[in-house]
């Protein structure tokens, strides 16, 4: 089964735009879990424009309480660049997974993948410290096969394939070209014993094809799922995205 981890950043963005605590991030987390999401993702940026450190800790505690009452663990995935304050928080919270993502100053959303040849020496001890704390480590990755091979060398457990080029493709030829690149990357990850996640601009139109990506374990979706939730409600949106992944939805 391909798991769905719902990114709740946009809930915090809406809350922060007005101040106060409405909408409540934890209420959204509960709604997603009740609708069958297998995971919750947050990306606490340095400028705190959406998810704030307090949210990270509150969600961690909330999921811990939920998971103590059930056998089906809801995973917690914290994304971000390996800056000291984020790493300290991740090591304290100890989520299921930490997805390391390069950040470009002023970016609206993540759009750069790791250059392992250039950044591997910096990432290797970071990955080691996270894994020593029992945290699964995933690296934001493109489809370059050599870079994926280098990911194994520095100790990561998974890659998260950057799917924006596929999602933004318009013609059938472009879509097939980009998806073929993702397929080859997925095959390489399987060959190397790496787990494969995927994310960025996945929606109900382009998500079903992702079921054919070799070895895909998890997708992380925020913006498009939350946009659809405006029209059909958050619970229905989560269930619809689960269905698009091939999950059986009650």
C-alpha atoms as a PDB file:
ATOM      1  CA  UNK A   1       0.000   0.000   0.000  1.00  0.00           C
ATOM      2  CA  UNK A   2       1.161   3.529  -0.794  1.00  0.00           C
ATOM      3  CA  UNK A   3       0.691   5.564   2.378  1.00  0.00           C
ATOM      4  CA  UNK A   4      -0.737   9.079   2.443  1.00  0.00           C
ATOM      5  CA  UNK A   5       0.905  11.621   4.728  1.00  0.00           C
ATOM      6  CA  UNK A   6      -1.062  14.855   4.861  1.00  0.00           C
ATOM      7  CA  UNK A   7       0.903  18.079   5.123  1.00  0.00           C
ATOM      8  CA  UNK A   8      -1.000  20.433   7.443  1.00  0.00           C
ATOM      9  CA  UNK A   9       1.108  23.556   6.781  1.00  0.00           C
ATOM     10  CA  UNK A  10      -1.762  25.298   4.998  1.00  0.00           C
ATOM     11  CA  UNK A  11      -3.960  25.026   8.080  1.00  0.00           C
ATOM     12  CA  UNK A  12      -1.321  26.960  10.017  1.00  0.00           C
ATOM     13  CA  UNK A  13      -0.974  29.472   7.156  1.00  0.00           C
ATOM     14  CA  UNK A  14      -4.686  30.278   7.365  1.00  0.00           C
ATOM     15  CA  UNK A  15      -4.541  30.524  11.166  1.00  0.00           C
ATOM     16  CA  UNK A  16      -1.521  32.818  11.089  1.00  0.00           C
ATOM     17  CA  UNK A  17      -3.143  35.141   8.555  1.00  0.00           C
ATOM     18  CA  UNK A  18      -5.666  36.217  11.183  1.00  0.00           C
ATOM     19  CA  UNK A  19      -3.856  35.491  14.438  1.00  0.00           C
ATOM     20  CA  UNK A  20      -5.299  33.457  17.266  1.00  0.00           C
ATOM     21  CA  UNK A  21      -5.861  29.716  17.013  1.00  0.00           C
ATOM     22  CA  UNK A  22      -8.534  29.303  14.326  1.00  0.00           C
ATOM     23  CA  UNK A  23      -8.465  27.011  12.437  1.00  0.00           C
ATOM     24  CA  UNK A  24      -6.900  24.653  14.942  1.00  0.00           C
ATOM     25  CA  UNK A  25      -4.074  22.576  13.542  1.00  0.00           C
ATOM     26  CA  UNK A  26      -4.744  19.697  15.929  1.00  0.00           C
ATOM     27  CA  UNK A  27      -8.388  19.551  14.837  1.00  0.00           C
ATOM     28  CA  UNK A  28      -7.215  19.227  11.236  1.00  0.00           C
ATOM     29  CA  UNK A  29      -4.772  16.512  12.291  1.00  0.00           C
ATOM     30  CA  UNK A  30      -7.612  14.595  13.947  1.00  0.00           C
ATOM     31  CA  UNK A  31      -9.833  14.967  10.887  1.00  0.00           C
ATOM     32  CA  UNK A  32      -7.101  13.631   8.601  1.00  0.00           C
ATOM     33  CA  UNK A  33      -6.426  10.661  10.875  1.00  0.00           C
ATOM     34  CA  UNK A  34     -10.129   9.882  11.268  1.00  0.00           C
ATOM     35  CA  UNK A  35     -10.390   9.880   7.459  1.00  0.00           C
ATOM     36  CA  UNK A  36      -7.644   7.258   7.284  1.00  0.00           C
ATOM     37  CA  UNK A  37      -4.437   9.212   6.596  1.00  0.00           C
ATOM     38  CA  UNK A  38      -1.425   7.110   7.518  1.00  0.00           C
ATOM     39  CA  UNK A  39       0.769  10.064   8.389  1.00  0.00           C
ATOM     40  CA  UNK A  40       1.025  13.757   9.198  1.00  0.00           C
ATOM     41  CA  UNK A  41       3.707  15.991   7.673  1.00  0.00           C
ATOM     42  CA  UNK A  42       4.904  19.440   8.741  1.00  0.00           C
ATOM     43  CA  UNK A  43       7.610  21.701   7.332  1.00  0.00           C
ATOM     44  CA  UNK A  44       8.569  24.239  10.006  1.00  0.00           C
ATOM     45  CA  UNK A  45      10.444  26.971   8.154  1.00  0.00           C
ATOM     46  CA  UNK A  46      12.860  29.355   9.800  1.00  0.00           C
ATOM     47  CA  UNK A  47      10.563  32.340   9.163  1.00  0.00           C
ATOM     48  CA  UNK A  48       7.651  30.507  10.889  1.00  0.00           C
ATOM     49  CA  UNK A  49       5.233  31.601   8.179  1.00  0.00           C
ATOM     50  CA  UNK A  50       3.045  28.552   8.737  1.00  0.00           C
ATOM     51  CA  UNK A  51       3.944  25.721  11.125  1.00  0.00           C
ATOM     52  CA  UNK A  52       5.540  27.066  14.310  1.00  0.00           C
ATOM     53  CA  UNK A  53       7.740  25.215  16.810  1.00  0.00           C
ATOM     54  CA  UNK A  54       4.837  24.981  19.259  1.00  0.00           C
ATOM     55  CA  UNK A  55       2.810  23.193  16.567  1.00  0.00           C
ATOM     56  CA  UNK A  56       5.616  20.686  16.052  1.00  0.00           C
ATOM     57  CA  UNK A  57       5.674  19.784  19.751  1.00  0.00           C
ATOM     58  CA  UNK A  58       1.881  19.741  20.133  1.00  0.00           C
ATOM     59  CA  UNK A  59       1.417  17.456  17.125  1.00  0.00           C
ATOM     60  CA  UNK A  60       4.162  15.149  18.406  1.00  0.00           C
ATOM     61  CA  UNK A  61       2.469  14.809  21.784  1.00  0.00           C
ATOM     62  CA  UNK A  62      -0.948  14.406  20.190  1.00  0.00           C
ATOM     63  CA  UNK A  63       0.215  11.620  17.878  1.00  0.00           C
ATOM     64  CA  UNK A  64       1.973   9.916  20.763  1.00  0.00           C
ATOM     65  CA  UNK A  65      -1.304   9.841  22.683  1.00  0.00           C
ATOM     66  CA  UNK A  66      -3.216   8.570  19.643  1.00  0.00           C
ATOM     67  CA  UNK A  67      -0.647   5.882  18.866  1.00  0.00           C
ATOM     68  CA  UNK A  68      -0.651   4.658  22.465  1.00  0.00           C
ATOM     69  CA  UNK A  69      -4.302   3.676  22.028  1.00  0.00           C
ATOM     70  CA  UNK A  70      -4.071   1.807  18.709  1.00  0.00           C
ATOM     71  CA  UNK A  71      -1.924  -0.740  16.911  1.00  0.00           C
ATOM     72  CA  UNK A  72      -1.956   1.229  13.652  1.00  0.00           C
ATOM     73  CA  UNK A  73       0.750   3.867  14.127  1.00  0.00           C
ATOM     74  CA  UNK A  74       0.195   7.267  12.532  1.00  0.00           C
ATOM     75  CA  UNK A  75       3.597   8.374  11.285  1.00  0.00           C
ATOM     76  CA  UNK A  76       5.012  11.830  11.911  1.00  0.00           C
ATOM     77  CA  UNK A  77       7.190  13.328   9.182  1.00  0.00           C
ATOM     78  CA  UNK A  78       9.086  16.558   9.792  1.00  0.00           C
ATOM     79  CA  UNK A  79      10.539  18.218   6.697  1.00  0.00           C
ATOM     80  CA  UNK A  80      13.131  20.938   6.617  1.00  0.00           C
ATOM     81  CA  UNK A  81      16.642  22.113   5.941  1.00  0.00           C
ATOM     82  CA  UNK A  82      19.367  20.848   8.291  1.00  0.00           C
ATOM     83  CA  UNK A  83      19.745  24.090  10.232  1.00  0.00           C
ATOM     84  CA  UNK A  84      20.752  23.754  13.899  1.00  0.00           C
ATOM     85  CA  UNK A  85      17.447  24.800  15.488  1.00  0.00           C
ATOM     86  CA  UNK A  86      15.433  22.427  13.304  1.00  0.00           C
ATOM     87  CA  UNK A  87      17.757  19.512  13.964  1.00  0.00           C
ATOM     88  CA  UNK A  88      17.649  20.164  17.713  1.00  0.00           C
ATOM     89  CA  UNK A  89      13.855  20.150  17.589  1.00  0.00           C
ATOM     90  CA  UNK A  90      13.712  16.967  15.496  1.00  0.00           C
ATOM     91  CA  UNK A  91      16.094  15.172  17.852  1.00  0.00           C
ATOM     92  CA  UNK A  92      13.955  16.223  20.803  1.00  0.00           C
ATOM     93  CA  UNK A  93      10.635  15.308  19.194  1.00  0.00           C
ATOM     94  CA  UNK A  94      11.899  12.109  17.530  1.00  0.00           C
ATOM     95  CA  UNK A  95       9.347  11.798  14.718  1.00  0.00           C
ATOM     96  CA  UNK A  96       9.021   8.661  12.640  1.00  0.00           C
ATOM     97  CA  UNK A  97      10.795  10.331   9.745  1.00  0.00           C
ATOM     98  CA  UNK A  98      12.811  13.445   8.996  1.00  0.00           C
ATOM     99  CA  UNK A  99      12.855  14.540   5.361  1.00  0.00           C
ATOM    100  CA  UNK A 100      15.821  16.793   4.713  1.00  0.00           C
ATOM    101  CA  UNK A 101      15.092  19.410   2.072  1.00  0.00           C
ATOM    102  CA  UNK A 102      17.415  22.127   0.758  1.00  0.00           C
ATOM    103  CA  UNK A 103      15.969  25.607   1.212  1.00  0.00           C
ATOM    104  CA  UNK A 104      16.573  28.601  -1.025  1.00  0.00           C
ATOM    105  CA  UNK A 105      16.169  32.019   0.571  1.00  0.00           C
ATOM    106  CA  UNK A 106      12.888  33.681  -0.391  1.00  0.00           C
ATOM    107  CA  UNK A 107      11.346  30.600  -1.999  1.00  0.00           C
ATOM    108  CA  UNK A 108       7.572  30.167  -1.835  1.00  0.00           C
ATOM    109  CA  UNK A 109       7.851  26.408  -1.689  1.00  0.00           C
ATOM    110  CA  UNK A 110      10.619  23.821  -1.946  1.00  0.00           C
ATOM    111  CA  UNK A 111      11.900  23.432  -5.496  1.00  0.00           C
ATOM    112  CA  UNK A 112      15.536  22.356  -5.166  1.00  0.00           C
ATOM    113  CA  UNK A 113      16.814  18.805  -4.713  1.00  0.00           C
ATOM    114  CA  UNK A 114      20.022  17.744  -3.001  1.00  0.00           C
ATOM    115  CA  UNK A 115      23.303  17.681  -4.871  1.00  0.00           C
ATOM    116  CA  UNK A 116      24.879  14.820  -2.927  1.00  0.00           C
ATOM    117  CA  UNK A 117      28.266  15.291  -4.567  1.00  0.00           C
ATOM    118  CA  UNK A 118      28.354  18.854  -3.260  1.00  0.00           C
ATOM    119  CA  UNK A 119      26.471  18.443   0.029  1.00  0.00           C
ATOM    120  CA  UNK A 120      27.157  14.823   0.991  1.00  0.00           C
ATOM    121  CA  UNK A 121      29.954  15.583   3.453  1.00  0.00           C
ATOM    122  CA  UNK A 122      27.662  18.014   5.267  1.00  0.00           C
ATOM    123  CA  UNK A 123      24.669  15.668   5.254  1.00  0.00           C
ATOM    124  CA  UNK A 124      26.419  12.460   6.308  1.00  0.00           C
ATOM    125  CA  UNK A 125      26.924  13.315  10.021  1.00  0.00           C
ATOM    126  CA  UNK A 126      23.451  14.873  10.176  1.00  0.00           C
ATOM    127  CA  UNK A 127      21.915  11.675   8.859  1.00  0.00           C
ATOM    128  CA  UNK A 128      23.976   9.606  11.283  1.00  0.00           C
ATOM    129  CA  UNK A 129      22.804  11.632  14.289  1.00  0.00           C
ATOM    130  CA  UNK A 130      19.151  11.346  13.253  1.00  0.00           C
ATOM    131  CA  UNK A 131      19.389   7.608  12.666  1.00  0.00           C
ATOM    132  CA  UNK A 132      21.151   7.123  15.993  1.00  0.00           C
ATOM    133  CA  UNK A 133      18.065   8.690  17.585  1.00  0.00           C
ATOM    134  CA  UNK A 134      15.858   6.134  15.819  1.00  0.00           C
ATOM    135  CA  UNK A 135      14.560   8.518  13.182  1.00  0.00           C
ATOM    136  CA  UNK A 136      14.155   7.356   9.581  1.00  0.00           C
ATOM    137  CA  UNK A 137      15.864   9.777   7.189  1.00  0.00           C
ATOM    138  CA  UNK A 138      14.645  10.707   3.721  1.00  0.00           C
ATOM    139  CA  UNK A 139      16.359  13.104   1.305  1.00  0.00           C
ATOM    140  CA  UNK A 140      14.560  15.316  -1.211  1.00  0.00           C
ATOM    141  CA  UNK A 141      15.741  13.915  -4.527  1.00  0.00           C
ATOM    142  CA  UNK A 142      15.604  14.418  -8.243  1.00  0.00           C
ATOM    143  CA  UNK A 143      15.701  11.606 -10.779  1.00  0.00           C
ATOM    144  CA  UNK A 144      19.458  11.663 -11.454  1.00  0.00           C
ATOM    145  CA  UNK A 145      20.516   8.048 -10.935  1.00  0.00           C
ATOM    146  CA  UNK A 146      24.069   8.903  -9.906  1.00  0.00           C
ATOM    147  CA  UNK A 147      22.761  11.197  -7.176  1.00  0.00           C
ATOM    148  CA  UNK A 148      20.472   8.422  -5.925  1.00  0.00           C
ATOM    149  CA  UNK A 149      23.449   6.078  -5.725  1.00  0.00           C
ATOM    150  CA  UNK A 150      25.344   8.681  -3.705  1.00  0.00           C
ATOM    151  CA  UNK A 151      22.370   8.886  -1.325  1.00  0.00           C
ATOM    152  CA  UNK A 152      23.082   5.316  -0.231  1.00  0.00           C
ATOM    153  CA  UNK A 153      26.721   6.195   0.423  1.00  0.00           C
ATOM    154  CA  UNK A 154      25.813   8.851   2.995  1.00  0.00           C
ATOM    155  CA  UNK A 155      23.414   6.614   4.900  1.00  0.00           C
ATOM    156  CA  UNK A 156      19.896   7.845   4.087  1.00  0.00           C
ATOM    157  CA  UNK A 157      17.024   5.368   4.393  1.00  0.00           C
ATOM    158  CA  UNK A 158      14.787   6.831   1.713  1.00  0.00           C
ATOM    159  CA  UNK A 159      14.531   9.415  -1.020  1.00  0.00           C
ATOM    160  CA  UNK A 160      11.549  11.666  -1.603  1.00  0.00           C
ATOM    161  CA  UNK A 161      11.206  12.070  -5.343  1.00  0.00           C
ATOM    162  CA  UNK A 162      10.449  15.647  -6.383  1.00  0.00           C
ATOM    163  CA  UNK A 163       7.358  15.311  -8.559  1.00  0.00           C
ATOM    164  CA  UNK A 164       6.789  18.912  -9.690  1.00  0.00           C
ATOM    165  CA  UNK A 165       8.233  18.382 -13.213  1.00  0.00           C
ATOM    166  CA  UNK A 166       5.837  15.458 -13.673  1.00  0.00           C
ATOM    167  CA  UNK A 167       2.900  17.334 -12.141  1.00  0.00           C
ATOM    168  CA  UNK A 168       3.535  20.430 -14.270  1.00  0.00           C
ATOM    169  CA  UNK A 169       3.852  18.505 -17.553  1.00  0.00           C
ATOM    170  CA  UNK A 170       0.977  19.303 -19.913  1.00  0.00           C
ATOM    171  CA  UNK A 171       1.100  17.134 -23.032  1.00  0.00           C
ATOM    172  CA  UNK A 172       0.890  13.344 -22.981  1.00  0.00           C
ATOM    173  CA  UNK A 173       4.432  13.201 -24.327  1.00  0.00           C
ATOM    174  CA  UNK A 174       5.750  15.442 -21.548  1.00  0.00           C
ATOM    175  CA  UNK A 175       3.835  13.544 -18.887  1.00  0.00           C
ATOM    176  CA  UNK A 176       5.160  10.203 -20.083  1.00  0.00           C
ATOM    177  CA  UNK A 177       8.716  11.522 -20.314  1.00  0.00           C
ATOM    178  CA  UNK A 178       8.680  12.850 -16.758  1.00  0.00           C
ATOM    179  CA  UNK A 179       6.960   9.774 -15.368  1.00  0.00           C
ATOM    180  CA  UNK A 180       9.505   7.516 -17.079  1.00  0.00           C
ATOM    181  CA  UNK A 181      12.261   9.404 -15.273  1.00  0.00           C
ATOM    182  CA  UNK A 182      10.436   8.839 -11.974  1.00  0.00           C
ATOM    183  CA  UNK A 183      10.028   5.148 -12.785  1.00  0.00           C
ATOM    184  CA  UNK A 184      13.733   4.720 -13.475  1.00  0.00           C
ATOM    185  CA  UNK A 185      14.548   6.544 -10.250  1.00  0.00           C
ATOM    186  CA  UNK A 186      12.162   4.279  -8.341  1.00  0.00           C
ATOM    187  CA  UNK A 187      13.744   1.206  -9.907  1.00  0.00           C
ATOM    188  CA  UNK A 188      17.220   2.446  -8.952  1.00  0.00           C
ATOM    189  CA  UNK A 189      16.097   3.056  -5.361  1.00  0.00           C
ATOM    190  CA  UNK A 190      14.695  -0.481  -5.163  1.00  0.00           C
ATOM    191  CA  UNK A 191      17.905  -1.896  -6.609  1.00  0.00           C
ATOM    192  CA  UNK A 192      19.935  -0.068  -3.964  1.00  0.00           C
ATOM    193  CA  UNK A 193      17.665  -0.972  -1.065  1.00  0.00           C
ATOM    194  CA  UNK A 194      16.407   2.588  -0.630  1.00  0.00           C
ATOM    195  CA  UNK A 195      12.803   3.346   0.208  1.00  0.00           C
ATOM    196  CA  UNK A 196      11.024   5.778  -2.107  1.00  0.00           C
ATOM    197  CA  UNK A 197       8.598   8.532  -1.139  1.00  0.00           C
ATOM    198  CA  UNK A 198       7.249  11.220  -3.450  1.00  0.00           C
ATOM    199  CA  UNK A 199       5.783  14.673  -3.218  1.00  0.00           C
ATOM    200  CA  UNK A 200       5.170  18.112  -4.679  1.00  0.00           C
ATOM    201  CA  UNK A 201       2.142  19.269  -6.656  1.00  0.00           C
ATOM    202  CA  UNK A 202       0.499  15.857  -6.640  1.00  0.00           C
ATOM    203  CA  UNK A 203      -3.262  16.089  -7.078  1.00  0.00           C
ATOM    204  CA  UNK A 204      -6.271  13.958  -7.969  1.00  0.00           C
ATOM    205  CA  UNK A 205      -5.481  14.121 -11.691  1.00  0.00           C
ATOM    206  CA  UNK A 206      -1.839  13.073 -11.602  1.00  0.00           C
ATOM    207  CA  UNK A 207      -1.854  10.899  -8.484  1.00  0.00           C
ATOM    208  CA  UNK A 208      -3.406   7.666  -9.877  1.00  0.00           C
ATOM    209  CA  UNK A 209      -0.498   7.097 -12.268  1.00  0.00           C
ATOM    210  CA  UNK A 210       1.863   7.202  -9.293  1.00  0.00           C
ATOM    211  CA  UNK A 211       0.511   3.772  -8.330  1.00  0.00           C
ATOM    212  CA  UNK A 212       2.719   2.451 -11.144  1.00  0.00           C
ATOM    213  CA  UNK A 213       5.921   3.899  -9.677  1.00  0.00           C
ATOM    214  CA  UNK A 214       8.128   0.982  -8.572  1.00  0.00           C
ATOM    215  CA  UNK A 215       8.540   0.656  -4.825  1.00  0.00           C
ATOM    216  CA  UNK A 216       6.649   3.813  -3.901  1.00  0.00           C
ATOM    217  CA  UNK A 217       5.975   3.744  -0.147  1.00  0.00           C
ATOM    218  CA  UNK A 218       4.512   7.145   0.700  1.00  0.00           C
ATOM    219  CA  UNK A 219       3.315  10.410  -0.773  1.00  0.00           C
ATOM    220  CA  UNK A 220       3.213  13.671   1.144  1.00  0.00           C
ATOM    221  CA  UNK A 221       0.484  16.032  -0.034  1.00  0.00           C
ATOM    222  CA  UNK A 222      -0.582  19.385   1.339  1.00  0.00           C
ATOM    223  CA  UNK A 223      -1.467  22.265  -0.961  1.00  0.00           C
ATOM    224  CA  UNK A 224      -3.715  20.497  -3.467  1.00  0.00           C
ATOM    225  CA  UNK A 225      -5.441  18.347  -0.867  1.00  0.00           C
ATOM    226  CA  UNK A 226      -6.228  21.409   1.230  1.00  0.00           C
ATOM    227  CA  UNK A 227      -7.410  23.304  -1.849  1.00  0.00           C
ATOM    228  CA  UNK A 228      -9.814  20.473  -2.671  1.00  0.00           C
ATOM    229  CA  UNK A 229     -10.927  20.435   0.956  1.00  0.00           C
ATOM    230  CA  UNK A 230     -12.308  23.961   0.490  1.00  0.00           C
ATOM    231  CA  UNK A 231     -14.914  22.510  -1.844  1.00  0.00           C
ATOM    232  CA  UNK A 232     -15.546  18.983  -0.578  1.00  0.00           C
ATOM    233  CA  UNK A 233     -14.404  19.142   3.053  1.00  0.00           C
ATOM    234  CA  UNK A 234     -11.210  17.886   4.647  1.00  0.00           C
ATOM    235  CA  UNK A 235     -12.499  14.425   5.530  1.00  0.00           C
ATOM    236  CA  UNK A 236     -13.755  13.807   1.989  1.00  0.00           C
ATOM    237  CA  UNK A 237     -10.558  15.209   0.494  1.00  0.00           C
ATOM    238  CA  UNK A 238      -8.382  12.800   2.492  1.00  0.00           C
ATOM    239  CA  UNK A 239     -10.583   9.859   1.518  1.00  0.00           C
ATOM    240  CA  UNK A 240     -10.575  10.899  -2.145  1.00  0.00           C
ATOM    241  CA  UNK A 241      -6.782  11.158  -2.198  1.00  0.00           C
ATOM    242  CA  UNK A 242      -6.495   7.766  -0.503  1.00  0.00           C
ATOM    243  CA  UNK A 243      -8.729   6.320  -3.210  1.00  0.00           C
ATOM    244  CA  UNK A 244      -6.530   7.905  -5.901  1.00  0.00           C
ATOM    245  CA  UNK A 245      -3.600   6.009  -4.367  1.00  0.00           C
ATOM    246  CA  UNK A 246      -5.485   2.743  -4.712  1.00  0.00           C
ATOM    247  CA  UNK A 247      -6.369   2.405  -1.049  1.00  0.00           C
ATOM    248  CA  UNK A 248      -9.671   0.793  -0.137  1.00  0.00           C
ATOM    249  CA  UNK A 249     -11.788   3.498   1.468  1.00  0.00           C
ATOM    250  CA  UNK A 250     -14.855   2.750   3.596  1.00  0.00           C
END
